[in-house]
Amino acid sequence: MQVSGAEIMCRILAEEGVTTVFGYPGGAILPFYDALRQSPIQHILTAHEQGAAHAADGFARASGKVGVCIATSGPGATNLVTGLATAFLDSVPVVAITGQVNRALIGHDAFQEVDITGITMPITKHNFLVKKPENLAQTLRLAFQLAREGRPGPVLVDVPRDVQTALIDFEEARLAELQPLEPDAERVAAAAAAINKAQRPVMLVGGGVINANAEYDAMHLCEKLHIPVVSTLMGLGAISAYRQLFLGMTGLHGHERANNAVKEADLILAVGSRFNDRVTGERSSYSANKLIIHLDIDPAEVDKNIDSGIGITGDMVATLNALKKAAQPHDLSSWWDKINSWPGMDDDFG
């Protein structure tokens, strides 16, 4: 059975479990909007496309699902850029769907034609220009898979107007789920051995812990080893602030005790953090006289900002559980005595 590309777009959104989209219509995306009227998916009209991107980002953070934003071609698409950059830097799963001028007009400076895939290449996990109607369904399915699998992030799909109006054979199908990457056993063993020898270890939890739903796994590891925990801004909430092991947020806007612990540590176990400059400050002094063990789903993050002595990439839950089995608690009483001599979070706020 043949249906329009616009209807296929709505069907794929429903197939992916999308119930709400945020957007602002325009000429190049109108076929999709016509099809959306017949869909049960709720559309929330924003006052500006940038608001749609930020709303999709916020929806994804609050729900744990992929956020979806819609814009037309040209200025509509470019208005998404700030929101997409936010989602990219904070690893938030967002799919942006933009309209594009008819395929025959691409490259001819047509009215409201902009190379949005080129513009957003540095701030998206991946992006697509759908040139063949028969590729539309699988491209959208792949966009959702890329947005949520591994390290989450935004993906943009640019759909020419004539692809939206084309009649296409549609088949219901789903892409095979990507299998989680298992951590390297030798690196896990080396990390565990280093943790077992450390006299002043600190665990740094970042947003990757929350993205991976690994909060309990991180908590169980730090409780077994009885090591102090500090957090990045994106990692807040991964470890309860009511737990004795939690020293607070670290970095430029962090707590004194947390920053002192990082400075005095001889080992930092960084879990799902990209070592933003607001966390590290001067990077050469941040890592001086200490071993950095970096756990992350994204190999590109390891050694990007801070040189790690041991970098482990793979599924976060599997990596934390492997470390929990291999690492053993040892006496850190003198380290805790020193930490407790510093002002705590309550002292920071009077």
C-alpha atoms as a PDB file:
ATOM      1  CA  MET A   1       0.000   0.000   0.000  1.00  0.00           C
ATOM      2  CA  GLN A   2       1.339   3.400  -0.970  1.00  0.00           C
ATOM      3  CA  VAL A   3       1.084   6.386   1.363  1.00  0.00           C
ATOM      4  CA  SER A   4       2.619   9.841   1.306  1.00  0.00           C
ATOM      5  CA  GLY A   5       6.022  10.503   2.782  1.00  0.00           C
ATOM      6  CA  ALA A   6       4.390  12.872   5.271  1.00  0.00           C
ATOM      7  CA  GLU A   7       2.079  10.115   6.496  1.00  0.00           C
ATOM      8  CA  ILE A   8       5.043   7.766   6.794  1.00  0.00           C
ATOM      9  CA  MET A   9       6.763  10.360   8.977  1.00  0.00           C
ATOM     10  CA  CYS A  10       3.760  10.360  11.316  1.00  0.00           C
ATOM     11  CA  ARG A  11       3.629   6.563  11.342  1.00  0.00           C
ATOM     12  CA  ILE A  12       7.317   6.295  12.258  1.00  0.00           C
ATOM     13  CA  LEU A  13       6.861   8.787  15.094  1.00  0.00           C
ATOM     14  CA  ALA A  14       4.006   6.680  16.458  1.00  0.00           C
ATOM     15  CA  GLU A  15       6.066   3.510  15.926  1.00  0.00           C
ATOM     16  CA  GLU A  16       8.826   5.032  18.045  1.00  0.00           C
ATOM     17  CA  GLY A  17       6.419   5.802  20.867  1.00  0.00           C
ATOM     18  CA  VAL A  18       6.292   9.555  20.289  1.00  0.00           C
ATOM     19  CA  THR A  19       3.226  11.158  21.845  1.00  0.00           C
ATOM     20  CA  THR A  20       4.230  14.833  21.775  1.00  0.00           C
ATOM     21  CA  VAL A  21       6.159  17.001  19.338  1.00  0.00           C
ATOM     22  CA  PHE A  22       7.108  20.673  19.523  1.00  0.00           C
ATOM     23  CA  GLY A  23       7.277  22.869  16.464  1.00  0.00           C
ATOM     24  CA  TYR A  24       6.436  25.826  14.294  1.00  0.00           C
ATOM     25  CA  PRO A  25       5.076  25.305  10.758  1.00  0.00           C
ATOM     26  CA  GLY A  26       6.223  26.784   7.477  1.00  0.00           C
ATOM     27  CA  GLY A  27       5.885  26.163   3.744  1.00  0.00           C
ATOM     28  CA  ALA A  28       8.465  23.393   3.307  1.00  0.00           C
ATOM     29  CA  ILE A  29       7.095  21.292   6.190  1.00  0.00           C
ATOM     30  CA  LEU A  30       3.357  21.841   5.552  1.00  0.00           C
ATOM     31  CA  PRO A  31       2.733  18.375   4.020  1.00  0.00           C
ATOM     32  CA  PHE A  32       3.897  16.843   7.285  1.00  0.00           C
ATOM     33  CA  TYR A  33       1.628  19.159   9.275  1.00  0.00           C
ATOM     34  CA  ASP A  34      -1.337  18.183   7.085  1.00  0.00           C
ATOM     35  CA  ALA A  35      -0.671  14.502   7.877  1.00  0.00           C
ATOM     36  CA  LEU A  36      -0.105  15.274  11.569  1.00  0.00           C
ATOM     37  CA  ARG A  37      -3.715  16.561  11.830  1.00  0.00           C
ATOM     38  CA  GLN A  38      -4.897  12.976  11.251  1.00  0.00           C
ATOM     39  CA  SER A  39      -2.454  11.569  13.805  1.00  0.00           C
ATOM     40  CA  PRO A  40      -3.041  11.068  17.554  1.00  0.00           C
ATOM     41  CA  ILE A  41       0.338  12.707  18.237  1.00  0.00           C
ATOM     42  CA  GLN A  42      -0.010  15.953  20.160  1.00  0.00           C
ATOM     43  CA  HIS A  43       1.627  18.992  18.574  1.00  0.00           C
ATOM     44  CA  ILE A  44       2.616  21.886  20.814  1.00  0.00           C
ATOM     45  CA  LEU A  45       2.996  25.132  18.893  1.00  0.00           C
ATOM     46  CA  THR A  46       5.854  27.265  20.158  1.00  0.00           C
ATOM     47  CA  ALA A  47       6.306  30.980  19.586  1.00  0.00           C
ATOM     48  CA  HIS A  48       9.682  30.387  17.950  1.00  0.00           C
ATOM     49  CA  GLU A  49      11.619  27.383  16.620  1.00  0.00           C
ATOM     50  CA  GLN A  50      14.325  27.845  19.232  1.00  0.00           C
ATOM     51  CA  GLY A  51      11.646  27.297  21.858  1.00  0.00           C
ATOM     52  CA  ALA A  52      10.681  24.053  20.107  1.00  0.00           C
ATOM     53  CA  ALA A  53      14.255  22.756  20.325  1.00  0.00           C
ATOM     54  CA  HIS A  54      14.573  23.689  24.001  1.00  0.00           C
ATOM     55  CA  ALA A  55      11.140  22.191  24.740  1.00  0.00           C
ATOM     56  CA  ALA A  56      12.129  18.906  23.072  1.00  0.00           C
ATOM     57  CA  ASP A  57      15.358  18.939  25.085  1.00  0.00           C
ATOM     58  CA  GLY A  58      13.465  19.532  28.335  1.00  0.00           C
ATOM     59  CA  PHE A  59      10.880  16.874  27.475  1.00  0.00           C
ATOM     60  CA  ALA A  60      13.665  14.332  26.904  1.00  0.00           C
ATOM     61  CA  ARG A  61      15.371  15.174  30.199  1.00  0.00           C
ATOM     62  CA  ALA A  62      12.129  14.926  32.156  1.00  0.00           C
ATOM     63  CA  SER A  63      10.691  11.826  30.481  1.00  0.00           C
ATOM     64  CA  GLY A  64      13.745   9.794  29.534  1.00  0.00           C
ATOM     65  CA  LYS A  65      12.304   9.517  26.006  1.00  0.00           C
ATOM     66  CA  VAL A  66      13.514  11.044  22.751  1.00  0.00           C
ATOM     67  CA  GLY A  67      12.318  14.631  22.364  1.00  0.00           C
ATOM     68  CA  VAL A  68      11.086  15.716  18.929  1.00  0.00           C
ATOM     69  CA  CYS A  69      11.059  19.197  17.413  1.00  0.00           C
ATOM     70  CA  ILE A  70       9.781  20.310  14.005  1.00  0.00           C
ATOM     71  CA  ALA A  71      10.747  23.289  11.836  1.00  0.00           C
ATOM     72  CA  THR A  72      10.490  24.387   8.252  1.00  0.00           C
ATOM     73  CA  SER A  73      13.404  25.112   5.915  1.00  0.00           C
ATOM     74  CA  GLY A  74      15.825  28.021   5.963  1.00  0.00           C
ATOM     75  CA  PRO A  75      15.373  30.372   8.943  1.00  0.00           C
ATOM     76  CA  GLY A  76      13.033  27.902  10.622  1.00  0.00           C
ATOM     77  CA  ALA A  77      15.710  25.230  10.594  1.00  0.00           C
ATOM     78  CA  THR A  78      18.541  27.541  11.625  1.00  0.00           C
ATOM     79  CA  ASN A  79      16.528  28.716  14.636  1.00  0.00           C
ATOM     80  CA  LEU A  80      16.892  25.198  16.068  1.00  0.00           C
ATOM     81  CA  VAL A  81      20.675  25.509  16.320  1.00  0.00           C
ATOM     82  CA  THR A  82      21.005  26.785  19.910  1.00  0.00           C
ATOM     83  CA  GLY A  83      18.695  24.102  21.286  1.00  0.00           C
ATOM     84  CA  LEU A  84      20.460  21.363  19.344  1.00  0.00           C
ATOM     85  CA  ALA A  85      23.848  22.562  20.604  1.00  0.00           C
ATOM     86  CA  THR A  86      22.531  22.424  24.159  1.00  0.00           C
ATOM     87  CA  ALA A  87      21.280  18.862  23.674  1.00  0.00           C
ATOM     88  CA  PHE A  88      24.573  17.855  22.038  1.00  0.00           C
ATOM     89  CA  LEU A  89      26.777  19.170  24.844  1.00  0.00           C
ATOM     90  CA  ASP A  90      24.520  17.695  27.543  1.00  0.00           C
ATOM     91  CA  SER A  91      24.001  14.334  25.757  1.00  0.00           C
ATOM     92  CA  VAL A  92      20.216  14.639  25.477  1.00  0.00           C
ATOM     93  CA  PRO A  93      18.343  12.486  22.921  1.00  0.00           C
ATOM     94  CA  VAL A  94      16.485  14.749  20.477  1.00  0.00           C
ATOM     95  CA  VAL A  95      15.287  14.186  16.912  1.00  0.00           C
ATOM     96  CA  ALA A  96      14.834  17.371  14.871  1.00  0.00           C
ATOM     97  CA  ILE A  97      12.768  17.085  11.687  1.00  0.00           C
ATOM     98  CA  THR A  98      13.120  19.961   9.231  1.00  0.00           C
ATOM     99  CA  GLY A  99      11.508  20.686   5.902  1.00  0.00           C
ATOM    100  CA  GLN A 100      13.675  21.388   2.882  1.00  0.00           C
ATOM    101  CA  VAL A 101      12.974  22.840  -0.563  1.00  0.00           C
ATOM    102  CA  ASN A 102      12.126  20.430  -3.393  1.00  0.00           C
ATOM    103  CA  ARG A 103      15.047  18.251  -4.430  1.00  0.00           C
ATOM    104  CA  ALA A 104      15.327  19.885  -7.874  1.00  0.00           C
ATOM    105  CA  LEU A 105      15.912  23.259  -6.195  1.00  0.00           C
ATOM    106  CA  ILE A 106      18.616  22.164  -3.759  1.00  0.00           C
ATOM    107  CA  GLY A 107      21.902  23.895  -4.529  1.00  0.00           C
ATOM    108  CA  HIS A 108      20.260  26.717  -6.521  1.00  0.00           C
ATOM    109  CA  ASP A 109      19.789  29.229  -3.680  1.00  0.00           C
ATOM    110  CA  ALA A 110      16.050  28.689  -3.721  1.00  0.00           C
ATOM    111  CA  PHE A 111      13.709  30.644  -1.468  1.00  0.00           C
ATOM    112  CA  GLN A 112      14.459  29.679   2.156  1.00  0.00           C
ATOM    113  CA  GLU A 113      17.004  27.067   1.124  1.00  0.00           C
ATOM    114  CA  VAL A 114      19.734  26.520   3.718  1.00  0.00           C
ATOM    115  CA  ASP A 115      22.238  23.679   4.067  1.00  0.00           C
ATOM    116  CA  ILE A 116      21.018  22.766   7.546  1.00  0.00           C
ATOM    117  CA  THR A 117      22.861  19.435   7.580  1.00  0.00           C
ATOM    118  CA  GLY A 118      26.127  21.280   6.986  1.00  0.00           C
ATOM    119  CA  ILE A 119      25.310  23.907   9.591  1.00  0.00           C
ATOM    120  CA  THR A 120      24.406  21.384  12.301  1.00  0.00           C
ATOM    121  CA  MET A 121      27.137  18.833  11.599  1.00  0.00           C
ATOM    122  CA  PRO A 122      29.305  19.954  14.564  1.00  0.00           C
ATOM    123  CA  ILE A 123      26.362  20.024  17.011  1.00  0.00           C
ATOM    124  CA  THR A 124      24.495  16.831  16.177  1.00  0.00           C
ATOM    125  CA  LYS A 125      25.366  13.227  16.750  1.00  0.00           C
ATOM    126  CA  HIS A 126      24.418  12.637  13.104  1.00  0.00           C
ATOM    127  CA  ASN A 127      22.216  14.231  10.491  1.00  0.00           C
ATOM    128  CA  PHE A 128      20.518  13.186   7.256  1.00  0.00           C
ATOM    129  CA  LEU A 129      19.202  14.770   4.062  1.00  0.00           C
ATOM    130  CA  VAL A 130      16.600  12.362   2.650  1.00  0.00           C
ATOM    131  CA  LYS A 131      17.108  12.400  -1.120  1.00  0.00           C
ATOM    132  CA  LYS A 132      15.179   9.228  -1.947  1.00  0.00           C
ATOM    133  CA  PRO A 133      11.566   8.772  -0.787  1.00  0.00           C
ATOM    134  CA  GLU A 134      12.082   5.022  -0.355  1.00  0.00           C
ATOM    135  CA  ASN A 135      14.778   5.737   2.278  1.00  0.00           C
ATOM    136  CA  LEU A 136      12.557   7.974   4.421  1.00  0.00           C
ATOM    137  CA  ALA A 137      11.165   5.373   6.841  1.00  0.00           C
ATOM    138  CA  GLN A 138      14.461   3.658   7.594  1.00  0.00           C
ATOM    139  CA  THR A 139      16.263   6.996   7.922  1.00  0.00           C
ATOM    140  CA  LEU A 140      13.800   8.156  10.573  1.00  0.00           C
ATOM    141  CA  ARG A 141      14.054   4.839  12.405  1.00  0.00           C
ATOM    142  CA  LEU A 142      17.849   5.113  12.362  1.00  0.00           C
ATOM    143  CA  ALA A 143      17.654   8.698  13.634  1.00  0.00           C
ATOM    144  CA  PHE A 144      15.753   7.589  16.736  1.00  0.00           C
ATOM    145  CA  GLN A 145      18.128   4.687  17.296  1.00  0.00           C
ATOM    146  CA  LEU A 146      21.185   6.935  17.064  1.00  0.00           C
ATOM    147  CA  ALA A 147      19.623   9.570  19.328  1.00  0.00           C
ATOM    148  CA  ARG A 148      19.047   7.168  22.226  1.00  0.00           C
ATOM    149  CA  GLU A 149      21.692   4.427  21.854  1.00  0.00           C
ATOM    150  CA  GLY A 150      25.207   4.693  23.270  1.00  0.00           C
ATOM    151  CA  ARG A 151      25.896   8.260  24.294  1.00  0.00           C
ATOM    152  CA  PRO A 152      22.565  10.028  23.643  1.00  0.00           C
ATOM    153  CA  GLY A 153      22.409  13.159  21.538  1.00  0.00           C
ATOM    154  CA  PRO A 154      20.493  15.121  18.906  1.00  0.00           C
ATOM    155  CA  VAL A 155      19.964  13.853  15.355  1.00  0.00           C
ATOM    156  CA  LEU A 156      18.527  15.984  12.541  1.00  0.00           C
ATOM    157  CA  VAL A 157      16.548  14.687   9.549  1.00  0.00           C
ATOM    158  CA  ASP A 158      16.058  17.138   6.677  1.00  0.00           C
ATOM    159  CA  VAL A 159      13.150  16.130   4.410  1.00  0.00           C
ATOM    160  CA  PRO A 160      12.561  17.895   1.061  1.00  0.00           C
ATOM    161  CA  ARG A 161       8.973  18.947   0.422  1.00  0.00           C
ATOM    162  CA  ASP A 162       8.571  16.668  -2.594  1.00  0.00           C
ATOM    163  CA  VAL A 163       9.749  13.670  -0.518  1.00  0.00           C
ATOM    164  CA  GLN A 164       6.944  14.453   1.912  1.00  0.00           C
ATOM    165  CA  THR A 165       4.373  14.482  -0.896  1.00  0.00           C
ATOM    166  CA  ALA A 166       5.737  11.451  -2.762  1.00  0.00           C
ATOM    167  CA  LEU A 167       3.762   8.195  -2.639  1.00  0.00           C
ATOM    168  CA  ILE A 168       5.848   5.440  -1.096  1.00  0.00           C
ATOM    169  CA  ASP A 169       5.389   1.751  -0.312  1.00  0.00           C
ATOM    170  CA  PHE A 170       5.426   1.497   3.464  1.00  0.00           C
ATOM    171  CA  GLU A 171       6.373  -1.576   5.444  1.00  0.00           C
ATOM    172  CA  GLU A 172       6.198  -1.767   9.208  1.00  0.00           C
ATOM    173  CA  ALA A 173       9.595  -2.853  10.502  1.00  0.00           C
ATOM    174  CA  ARG A 174      11.975  -2.036  13.292  1.00  0.00           C
ATOM    175  CA  LEU A 175      15.730  -1.835  13.301  1.00  0.00           C
ATOM    176  CA  ALA A 176      17.613  -4.403  15.347  1.00  0.00           C
ATOM    177  CA  GLU A 177      18.643  -2.984  18.707  1.00  0.00           C
ATOM    178  CA  LEU A 178      22.314  -2.250  19.149  1.00  0.00           C
ATOM    179  CA  GLN A 179      23.998  -4.543  21.636  1.00  0.00           C
ATOM    180  CA  PRO A 180      25.742  -2.812  24.552  1.00  0.00           C
ATOM    181  CA  LEU A 181      29.517  -2.730  24.345  1.00  0.00           C
ATOM    182  CA  GLU A 182      31.142  -4.860  27.042  1.00  0.00           C
ATOM    183  CA  PRO A 183      34.112  -3.278  28.850  1.00  0.00           C
ATOM    184  CA  ASP A 184      37.610  -4.620  28.293  1.00  0.00           C
ATOM    185  CA  ALA A 185      38.341  -7.130  31.061  1.00  0.00           C
ATOM    186  CA  GLU A 186      42.058  -6.274  31.314  1.00  0.00           C
ATOM    187  CA  ARG A 187      41.333  -2.569  31.741  1.00  0.00           C
ATOM    188  CA  VAL A 188      38.717  -3.316  34.380  1.00  0.00           C
ATOM    189  CA  ALA A 189      41.243  -5.472  36.252  1.00  0.00           C
ATOM    190  CA  ALA A 190      43.884  -2.720  36.045  1.00  0.00           C
ATOM    191  CA  ALA A 191      41.382  -0.142  37.302  1.00  0.00           C
ATOM    192  CA  ALA A 192      40.339  -2.374  40.205  1.00  0.00           C
ATOM    193  CA  ALA A 193      43.966  -2.968  41.188  1.00  0.00           C
ATOM    194  CA  ALA A 194      44.625   0.782  41.190  1.00  0.00           C
ATOM    195  CA  ILE A 195      41.527   1.467  43.286  1.00  0.00           C
ATOM    196  CA  ASN A 196      42.581  -1.216  45.765  1.00  0.00           C
ATOM    197  CA  LYS A 197      45.943   0.546  46.259  1.00  0.00           C
ATOM    198  CA  ALA A 198      44.662   4.136  46.383  1.00  0.00           C
ATOM    199  CA  GLN A 199      44.885   5.935  49.718  1.00  0.00           C
ATOM    200  CA  ARG A 200      42.853   9.002  48.731  1.00  0.00           C
ATOM    201  CA  PRO A 201      40.346   7.912  46.048  1.00  0.00           C
ATOM    202  CA  VAL A 202      37.379   9.990  44.861  1.00  0.00           C
ATOM    203  CA  MET A 203      34.521   9.008  42.586  1.00  0.00           C
ATOM    204  CA  LEU A 204      33.322  11.707  40.174  1.00  0.00           C
ATOM    205  CA  VAL A 205      29.819  11.065  38.807  1.00  0.00           C
ATOM    206  CA  GLY A 206      28.633  12.823  35.662  1.00  0.00           C
ATOM    207  CA  GLY A 207      25.523  12.956  33.547  1.00  0.00           C
ATOM    208  CA  GLY A 208      26.462   9.725  31.808  1.00  0.00           C
ATOM    209  CA  VAL A 209      25.486   7.826  34.967  1.00  0.00           C
ATOM    210  CA  ILE A 210      21.942   9.195  34.754  1.00  0.00           C
ATOM    211  CA  ASN A 211      21.720   8.696  30.988  1.00  0.00           C
ATOM    212  CA  ALA A 212      22.672   5.048  31.448  1.00  0.00           C
ATOM    213  CA  ASN A 213      20.211   4.519  34.338  1.00  0.00           C
ATOM    214  CA  ALA A 214      23.249   3.426  36.339  1.00  0.00           C
ATOM    215  CA  GLU A 215      22.573   5.437  39.500  1.00  0.00           C
ATOM    216  CA  TYR A 216      22.097   2.405  41.742  1.00  0.00           C
ATOM    217  CA  ASP A 217      25.137   0.660  40.270  1.00  0.00           C
ATOM    218  CA  ALA A 218      27.324   3.706  40.962  1.00  0.00           C
ATOM    219  CA  MET A 219      25.895   3.992  44.470  1.00  0.00           C
ATOM    220  CA  HIS A 220      26.518   0.326  45.246  1.00  0.00           C
ATOM    221  CA  LEU A 221      30.131   0.609  44.064  1.00  0.00           C
ATOM    222  CA  CYS A 222      30.964   3.667  46.166  1.00  0.00           C
ATOM    223  CA  GLU A 223      29.206   2.187  49.202  1.00  0.00           C
ATOM    224  CA  LYS A 224      31.103  -1.084  48.904  1.00  0.00           C
ATOM    225  CA  LEU A 225      34.420   0.748  48.678  1.00  0.00           C
ATOM    226  CA  HIS A 226      33.374   3.538  51.096  1.00  0.00           C
ATOM    227  CA  ILE A 227      34.946   6.168  48.863  1.00  0.00           C
ATOM    228  CA  PRO A 228      33.883   9.826  48.764  1.00  0.00           C
ATOM    229  CA  VAL A 229      31.730  10.934  45.827  1.00  0.00           C
ATOM    230  CA  VAL A 230      31.577  14.293  44.082  1.00  0.00           C
ATOM    231  CA  SER A 231      29.313  15.287  41.215  1.00  0.00           C
ATOM    232  CA  THR A 232      29.275  17.424  38.115  1.00  0.00           C
ATOM    233  CA  LEU A 233      26.258  19.637  37.469  1.00  0.00           C
ATOM    234  CA  MET A 234      24.804  17.077  35.059  1.00  0.00           C
ATOM    235  CA  GLY A 235      25.456  14.295  37.547  1.00  0.00           C
ATOM    236  CA  LEU A 236      23.474  15.850  40.405  1.00  0.00           C
ATOM    237  CA  GLY A 237      20.871  13.397  41.629  1.00  0.00           C
ATOM    238  CA  ALA A 238      22.811  10.294  40.636  1.00  0.00           C
ATOM    239  CA  ILE A 239      23.937   9.923  44.261  1.00  0.00           C
ATOM    240  CA  SER A 240      21.614  11.224  46.971  1.00  0.00           C
ATOM    241  CA  ALA A 241      22.876  14.317  48.748  1.00  0.00           C
ATOM    242  CA  TYR A 242      21.665  12.725  51.993  1.00  0.00           C
ATOM    243  CA  ARG A 243      24.266   9.982  51.795  1.00  0.00           C
ATOM    244  CA  GLN A 244      27.337  10.456  53.990  1.00  0.00           C
ATOM    245  CA  LEU A 245      29.650   9.581  51.105  1.00  0.00           C
ATOM    246  CA  PHE A 246      28.426  12.485  48.962  1.00  0.00           C
ATOM    247  CA  LEU A 247      30.572  15.621  49.293  1.00  0.00           C
ATOM    248  CA  GLY A 248      28.650  17.813  46.860  1.00  0.00           C
ATOM    249  CA  MET A 249      29.190  19.310  43.435  1.00  0.00           C
ATOM    250  CA  THR A 250      32.724  19.956  42.252  1.00  0.00           C
ATOM    251  CA  GLY A 251      34.118  22.568  39.905  1.00  0.00           C
ATOM    252  CA  LEU A 252      33.838  26.326  39.498  1.00  0.00           C
ATOM    253  CA  HIS A 253      30.450  26.466  41.219  1.00  0.00           C
ATOM    254  CA  GLY A 254      31.098  23.526  43.509  1.00  0.00           C
ATOM    255  CA  HIS A 255      31.423  22.987  47.235  1.00  0.00           C
ATOM    256  CA  GLU A 256      34.661  23.518  49.135  1.00  0.00           C
ATOM    257  CA  ARG A 257      34.877  20.015  50.565  1.00  0.00           C
ATOM    258  CA  ALA A 258      34.246  18.436  47.154  1.00  0.00           C
ATOM    259  CA  ASN A 259      36.893  20.566  45.462  1.00  0.00           C
ATOM    260  CA  ASN A 260      39.416  19.950  48.226  1.00  0.00           C
ATOM    261  CA  ALA A 261      38.883  16.217  47.913  1.00  0.00           C
ATOM    262  CA  VAL A 262      39.488  16.304  44.167  1.00  0.00           C
ATOM    263  CA  LYS A 263      42.620  18.405  44.641  1.00  0.00           C
ATOM    264  CA  GLU A 264      44.075  16.132  47.347  1.00  0.00           C
ATOM    265  CA  ALA A 265      43.033  12.819  45.765  1.00  0.00           C
ATOM    266  CA  ASP A 266      45.586  10.335  44.478  1.00  0.00           C
ATOM    267  CA  LEU A 267      42.967   8.647  42.256  1.00  0.00           C
ATOM    268  CA  ILE A 268      39.815   9.926  40.549  1.00  0.00           C
ATOM    269  CA  LEU A 269      37.300   7.406  39.253  1.00  0.00           C
ATOM    270  CA  ALA A 270      35.377   9.498  36.717  1.00  0.00           C
ATOM    271  CA  VAL A 271      32.094   7.902  35.690  1.00  0.00           C
ATOM    272  CA  GLY A 272      30.235   9.371  32.720  1.00  0.00           C
ATOM    273  CA  SER A 273      31.856  12.813  32.829  1.00  0.00           C
ATOM    274  CA  ARG A 274      33.364  14.685  29.894  1.00  0.00           C
ATOM    275  CA  PHE A 275      35.647  16.816  32.123  1.00  0.00           C
ATOM    276  CA  ASN A 276      34.157  20.150  31.140  1.00  0.00           C
ATOM    277  CA  ASP A 277      36.407  23.130  31.844  1.00  0.00           C
ATOM    278  CA  ARG A 278      33.921  24.331  34.490  1.00  0.00           C
ATOM    279  CA  VAL A 279      34.688  21.089  36.323  1.00  0.00           C
ATOM    280  CA  THR A 280      38.453  20.945  35.858  1.00  0.00           C
ATOM    281  CA  GLY A 281      39.674  24.526  35.738  1.00  0.00           C
ATOM    282  CA  GLU A 282      43.345  24.409  34.705  1.00  0.00           C
ATOM    283  CA  ARG A 283      43.532  20.903  33.257  1.00  0.00           C
ATOM    284  CA  SER A 284      47.248  20.310  33.795  1.00  0.00           C
ATOM    285  CA  SER A 285      46.979  20.990  37.520  1.00  0.00           C
ATOM    286  CA  TYR A 286      43.671  19.107  37.794  1.00  0.00           C
ATOM    287  CA  SER A 287      45.263  15.788  36.906  1.00  0.00           C
ATOM    288  CA  ALA A 288      48.635  16.409  38.552  1.00  0.00           C
ATOM    289  CA  ASN A 289      49.864  13.794  41.043  1.00  0.00           C
ATOM    290  CA  LYS A 290      46.854  11.544  40.626  1.00  0.00           C
ATOM    291  CA  LEU A 291      45.650   8.659  38.488  1.00  0.00           C
ATOM    292  CA  ILE A 292      42.563   9.286  36.389  1.00  0.00           C
ATOM    293  CA  ILE A 293      40.325   6.311  35.610  1.00  0.00           C
ATOM    294  CA  HIS A 294      37.731   7.376  33.040  1.00  0.00           C
ATOM    295  CA  LEU A 295      34.565   5.332  32.392  1.00  0.00           C
ATOM    296  CA  ASP A 296      32.458   6.421  29.421  1.00  0.00           C
ATOM    297  CA  ILE A 297      30.205   4.987  26.720  1.00  0.00           C
ATOM    298  CA  ASP A 298      31.824   7.235  24.104  1.00  0.00           C
ATOM    299  CA  PRO A 299      35.444   6.394  23.147  1.00  0.00           C
ATOM    300  CA  ALA A 300      35.859   9.928  21.788  1.00  0.00           C
ATOM    301  CA  GLU A 301      35.533  11.358  25.296  1.00  0.00           C
ATOM    302  CA  VAL A 302      38.414   9.374  26.791  1.00  0.00           C
ATOM    303  CA  ASP A 303      41.614  11.460  26.768  1.00  0.00           C
ATOM    304  CA  LYS A 304      39.832  14.333  24.975  1.00  0.00           C
ATOM    305  CA  ASN A 305      40.057  16.867  27.802  1.00  0.00           C
ATOM    306  CA  ILE A 306      42.003  15.030  30.506  1.00  0.00           C
ATOM    307  CA  ASP A 307      44.624  12.353  29.922  1.00  0.00           C
ATOM    308  CA  SER A 308      43.472   9.243  31.718  1.00  0.00           C
ATOM    309  CA  GLY A 309      45.816   6.623  33.047  1.00  0.00           C
ATOM    310  CA  ILE A 310      43.126   4.006  32.453  1.00  0.00           C
ATOM    311  CA  GLY A 311      40.242   4.586  30.048  1.00  0.00           C
ATOM    312  CA  ILE A 312      37.362   2.112  29.912  1.00  0.00           C
ATOM    313  CA  THR A 313      34.611   2.388  27.303  1.00  0.00           C
ATOM    314  CA  GLY A 314      31.488   0.281  27.255  1.00  0.00           C
ATOM    315  CA  ASP A 315      28.080  -0.166  28.807  1.00  0.00           C
ATOM    316  CA  MET A 316      28.059   1.823  32.059  1.00  0.00           C
ATOM    317  CA  VAL A 317      26.073  -0.664  34.117  1.00  0.00           C
ATOM    318  CA  ALA A 318      28.258  -3.580  33.007  1.00  0.00           C
ATOM    319  CA  THR A 319      31.447  -1.623  33.693  1.00  0.00           C
ATOM    320  CA  LEU A 320      30.381  -0.526  37.180  1.00  0.00           C
ATOM    321  CA  ASN A 321      29.301  -4.041  38.105  1.00  0.00           C
ATOM    322  CA  ALA A 322      32.575  -5.485  36.830  1.00  0.00           C
ATOM    323  CA  LEU A 323      34.497  -2.982  38.959  1.00  0.00           C
ATOM    324  CA  LYS A 324      32.323  -3.765  41.947  1.00  0.00           C
ATOM    325  CA  LYS A 325      33.238  -7.450  41.696  1.00  0.00           C
ATOM    326  CA  ALA A 326      36.951  -6.830  41.244  1.00  0.00           C
ATOM    327  CA  ALA A 327      37.609  -3.934  43.642  1.00  0.00           C
ATOM    328  CA  GLN A 328      37.867  -4.525  47.378  1.00  0.00           C
ATOM    329  CA  PRO A 329      37.307  -2.128  50.301  1.00  0.00           C
ATOM    330  CA  HIS A 330      40.297  -1.139  52.395  1.00  0.00           C
ATOM    331  CA  ASP A 331      41.052   1.217  55.259  1.00  0.00           C
ATOM    332  CA  LEU A 332      40.434   4.847  54.228  1.00  0.00           C
ATOM    333  CA  SER A 333      39.903   6.195  57.756  1.00  0.00           C
ATOM    334  CA  SER A 334      42.782   8.704  57.593  1.00  0.00           C
ATOM    335  CA  TRP A 335      41.456  10.009  54.266  1.00  0.00           C
ATOM    336  CA  TRP A 336      37.986  10.449  55.733  1.00  0.00           C
ATOM    337  CA  ASP A 337      39.422  12.165  58.812  1.00  0.00           C
ATOM    338  CA  LYS A 338      41.051  14.716  56.544  1.00  0.00           C
ATOM    339  CA  ILE A 339      37.887  15.206  54.488  1.00  0.00           C
ATOM    340  CA  ASN A 340      35.755  15.697  57.583  1.00  0.00           C
ATOM    341  CA  SER A 341      38.107  18.433  58.806  1.00  0.00           C
ATOM    342  CA  TRP A 342      37.057  20.594  55.840  1.00  0.00           C
ATOM    343  CA  PRO A 343      33.852  22.661  55.680  1.00  0.00           C
ATOM    344  CA  GLY A 344      30.892  20.680  54.302  1.00  0.00           C
ATOM    345  CA  MET A 345      27.884  21.645  52.202  1.00  0.00           C
ATOM    346  CA  ASP A 346      26.003  23.013  55.202  1.00  0.00           C
ATOM    347  CA  ASP A 347      28.926  25.277  56.006  1.00  0.00           C
ATOM    348  CA  ASP A 348      29.031  26.561  52.410  1.00  0.00           C
ATOM    349  CA  PHE A 349      25.518  27.935  52.795  1.00  0.00           C
ATOM    350  CA  GLY A 350      25.880  29.126  56.365  1.00  0.00           C
END
